[in-house]
Amino acid sequence: MRLAALLPIVALFRMGSYGASAILFVAAMLTDCIDGWLARRFNRRTSLGIYLDPVVDKIVVIALLYELARAGLLSTLVAHLFLAREFLHNAIRAAAAQQGTLIGANRMGKTKAALQTALITVGLAMPGCVRADHSIYAAYSAGAWTVLALSWVFFGVFARRNRKALSG
């Protein structure tokens, strides 16, 4: 559902329906929470789901970060650095998988996802709430850089914890 919602989210945003795009994005991301809870609750986790779920999240998040950059709401460099971090993160997970180790989600990853979701939600809704207040845009940009920095710190911890996958 998250992947299917991407095109309507972008379309609504580009048509100027900022609130609707933000609401649809939040609803799509809530399906991630519900899906994960159901999988754990009914013990329906699969190896494919462990890898496919975060990949879909990353596609949606990165696409929307680039959409916000296209709209001039955040730096393209921020989107590039988020993308680089996700590629490196996936490389470690893939290396571990080749060694027979599945690396699932952890609290840092969930925190990063929540922060990215908040960042994107605000970015999608912001043009409809503020017109030309540059201080709000500056604060949003500072928030984006902060979330980016924190995500790289989390990546560093993740890489250190999973360094065995890197040496194998």
Protein backbone atom coordinates (compact mmCIF):
# COMPACT_ATOMS: atom_id res chain seq x y z
CA MET A 1 0.00 0.00 0.00
CA ARG A 2 2.85 2.41 0.75
CA LEU A 3 4.35 1.99 -2.69
CA ALA A 4 0.96 2.33 -4.40
CA ALA A 5 0.33 5.56 -2.46
CA LEU A 6 3.54 7.21 -3.69
CA LEU A 7 2.18 8.42 -7.03
CA PRO A 8 -1.02 9.94 -5.55
CA ILE A 9 1.01 11.62 -2.79
CA VAL A 10 3.30 13.26 -5.36
CA ALA A 11 0.36 14.16 -7.62
CA LEU A 12 -1.56 15.78 -4.76
CA PHE A 13 1.53 17.71 -3.68
CA ARG A 14 2.21 18.97 -7.20
CA MET A 15 -1.43 20.00 -7.62
CA GLY A 16 -1.18 22.11 -4.46
CA SER A 17 -3.22 19.80 -2.22
CA TYR A 18 -0.52 19.90 0.42
CA GLY A 19 -2.61 18.81 3.39
CA ALA A 20 -4.10 15.90 1.45
CA SER A 21 -0.65 14.74 0.33
CA ALA A 22 0.61 14.87 3.92
CA ILE A 23 -2.43 12.99 5.25
CA LEU A 24 -2.13 10.30 2.56
CA PHE A 25 1.58 9.94 3.35
CA VAL A 26 0.90 9.51 7.08
CA ALA A 27 -1.84 6.97 6.33
CA ALA A 28 0.52 5.05 4.05
CA MET A 29 3.25 5.02 6.68
CA LEU A 30 0.77 3.86 9.33
CA THR A 31 0.24 0.74 7.22
CA ASP A 32 3.90 -0.02 7.96
CA CYS A 33 3.21 0.04 11.69
CA ILE A 34 0.07 -2.05 11.32
CA ASP A 35 1.79 -4.53 9.00
CA GLY A 36 4.69 -4.99 11.41
CA TRP A 37 2.41 -5.38 14.41
CA LEU A 38 0.27 -7.98 12.61
CA ALA A 39 3.34 -9.94 11.49
CA ARG A 40 4.67 -10.07 15.05
CA ARG A 41 1.30 -10.67 16.67
CA PHE A 42 0.41 -13.64 14.47
CA ASN A 43 4.00 -14.83 13.97
CA ARG A 44 3.81 -14.29 10.22
CA ARG A 45 7.30 -12.86 9.69
CA THR A 46 9.14 -14.03 6.62
CA SER A 47 12.66 -13.52 5.28
CA LEU A 48 11.19 -11.75 2.26
CA GLY A 49 9.14 -9.45 4.49
CA ILE A 50 12.15 -8.63 6.66
CA TYR A 51 13.92 -7.28 3.56
CA LEU A 52 11.05 -6.10 1.36
CA ASP A 53 9.36 -3.95 4.01
CA PRO A 54 12.32 -1.62 4.61
CA VAL A 55 13.09 -1.45 0.88
CA VAL A 56 9.57 -0.20 0.16
CA ASP A 57 9.89 2.31 3.00
CA LYS A 58 13.18 3.55 1.57
CA ILE A 59 11.74 3.92 -1.93
CA VAL A 60 8.85 6.01 -0.62
CA VAL A 61 10.98 8.11 1.74
CA ILE A 62 13.78 8.80 -0.75
CA ALA A 63 11.34 9.60 -3.57
CA LEU A 64 9.53 12.10 -1.36
CA LEU A 65 12.76 13.67 -0.11
CA TYR A 66 13.69 14.28 -3.74
CA GLU A 67 10.20 15.65 -4.39
CA LEU A 68 10.66 18.10 -1.51
CA ALA A 69 14.07 19.05 -2.91
CA ARG A 70 12.51 19.56 -6.36
CA ALA A 71 9.99 21.89 -4.77
CA GLY A 72 12.81 23.87 -3.13
CA LEU A 73 11.84 22.92 0.41
CA LEU A 74 15.08 21.17 1.26
CA SER A 75 18.54 20.83 -0.17
CA THR A 76 19.15 18.24 -2.87
CA LEU A 77 22.33 17.43 -0.97
CA VAL A 78 20.19 16.30 1.98
CA ALA A 79 18.32 13.89 -0.30
CA HIS A 80 21.61 12.65 -1.80
CA LEU A 81 23.10 12.00 1.63
CA PHE A 82 19.99 10.16 2.82
CA LEU A 83 20.16 8.03 -0.34
CA ALA A 84 23.85 7.25 0.18
CA ARG A 85 23.18 6.22 3.77
CA GLU A 86 20.39 3.88 2.67
CA PHE A 87 22.58 2.23 0.01
CA LEU A 88 25.33 1.61 2.55
CA HIS A 89 22.84 0.29 5.10
CA ASN A 90 21.40 -2.13 2.55
CA ALA A 91 24.89 -3.25 1.54
CA ILE A 92 25.63 -4.33 5.11
CA ARG A 93 22.30 -6.14 5.34
CA ALA A 94 23.00 -7.91 2.03
CA ALA A 95 26.50 -8.91 3.13
CA ALA A 96 25.10 -10.32 6.36
CA ALA A 97 22.42 -12.20 4.41
CA GLN A 98 25.09 -13.82 2.27
CA GLN A 99 26.66 -15.06 5.47
CA GLY A 100 23.32 -16.46 6.62
CA THR A 101 22.45 -13.67 9.05
CA LEU A 102 19.19 -11.77 8.87
CA ILE A 103 19.36 -8.24 10.24
CA GLY A 104 15.91 -6.99 11.16
CA ALA A 105 14.73 -3.60 12.31
CA ASN A 106 15.88 -2.16 15.61
CA ARG A 107 15.00 0.88 17.73
CA MET A 108 17.47 3.16 15.99
CA GLY A 109 16.03 2.27 12.60
CA LYS A 110 12.50 2.81 13.84
CA THR A 111 13.48 6.14 15.38
CA LYS A 112 15.13 7.20 12.11
CA ALA A 113 12.02 6.18 10.19
CA ALA A 114 9.78 8.14 12.57
CA LEU A 115 11.96 11.23 12.25
CA GLN A 116 12.01 10.95 8.45
CA THR A 117 8.24 10.49 8.43
CA ALA A 118 7.82 13.63 10.54
CA LEU A 119 10.25 15.55 8.31
CA ILE A 120 8.43 14.54 5.15
CA THR A 121 4.97 15.12 6.63
CA VAL A 122 5.89 18.66 7.63
CA GLY A 123 7.51 19.25 4.24
CA LEU A 124 4.45 18.04 2.36
CA ALA A 125 2.08 20.17 4.44
CA MET A 126 4.29 23.25 4.86
CA PRO A 127 3.60 25.08 1.57
CA GLY A 128 -0.09 25.14 2.42
CA CYS A 129 0.53 26.51 5.91
CA VAL A 130 3.20 29.14 5.30
CA ARG A 131 3.52 31.26 2.24
CA ALA A 132 6.63 33.39 2.36
CA ASP A 133 8.00 33.14 5.88
CA HIS A 134 11.65 32.39 5.26
CA SER A 135 12.38 31.77 8.95
CA ILE A 136 10.04 28.75 8.89
CA TYR A 137 11.79 27.38 5.81
CA ALA A 138 15.16 27.95 7.50
CA ALA A 139 13.97 26.09 10.59
CA TYR A 140 12.72 23.25 8.40
CA SER A 141 16.06 23.07 6.62
CA ALA A 142 17.89 22.96 9.96
CA GLY A 143 15.56 20.18 11.06
CA ALA A 144 16.29 18.24 7.87
CA TRP A 145 20.04 18.51 8.44
CA THR A 146 19.56 17.42 12.07
CA VAL A 147 17.56 14.33 11.07
CA LEU A 148 20.18 13.57 8.43
CA ALA A 149 23.04 13.85 10.95
CA LEU A 150 21.22 11.64 13.44
CA SER A 151 20.53 9.04 10.75
CA TRP A 152 24.24 8.90 9.94
CA VAL A 153 25.09 8.51 13.64
CA PHE A 154 22.61 5.62 13.80
CA PHE A 155 24.22 4.16 10.68
CA GLY A 156 27.64 4.33 12.33
CA VAL A 157 26.33 2.39 15.33
CA PHE A 158 24.60 -0.09 13.00
CA ALA A 159 27.81 -0.61 10.98
CA ARG A 160 29.86 -1.10 14.14
CA ARG A 161 27.38 -3.61 15.56
CA ASN A 162 27.36 -5.52 12.28
CA ARG A 163 31.07 -5.21 11.42
CA LYS A 164 31.31 -9.00 11.23
CA ALA A 165 29.27 -8.81 8.01
CA LEU A 166 31.78 -6.31 6.64
CA SER A 167 34.82 -8.47 7.40
CA GLY A 168 33.23 -11.67 6.03
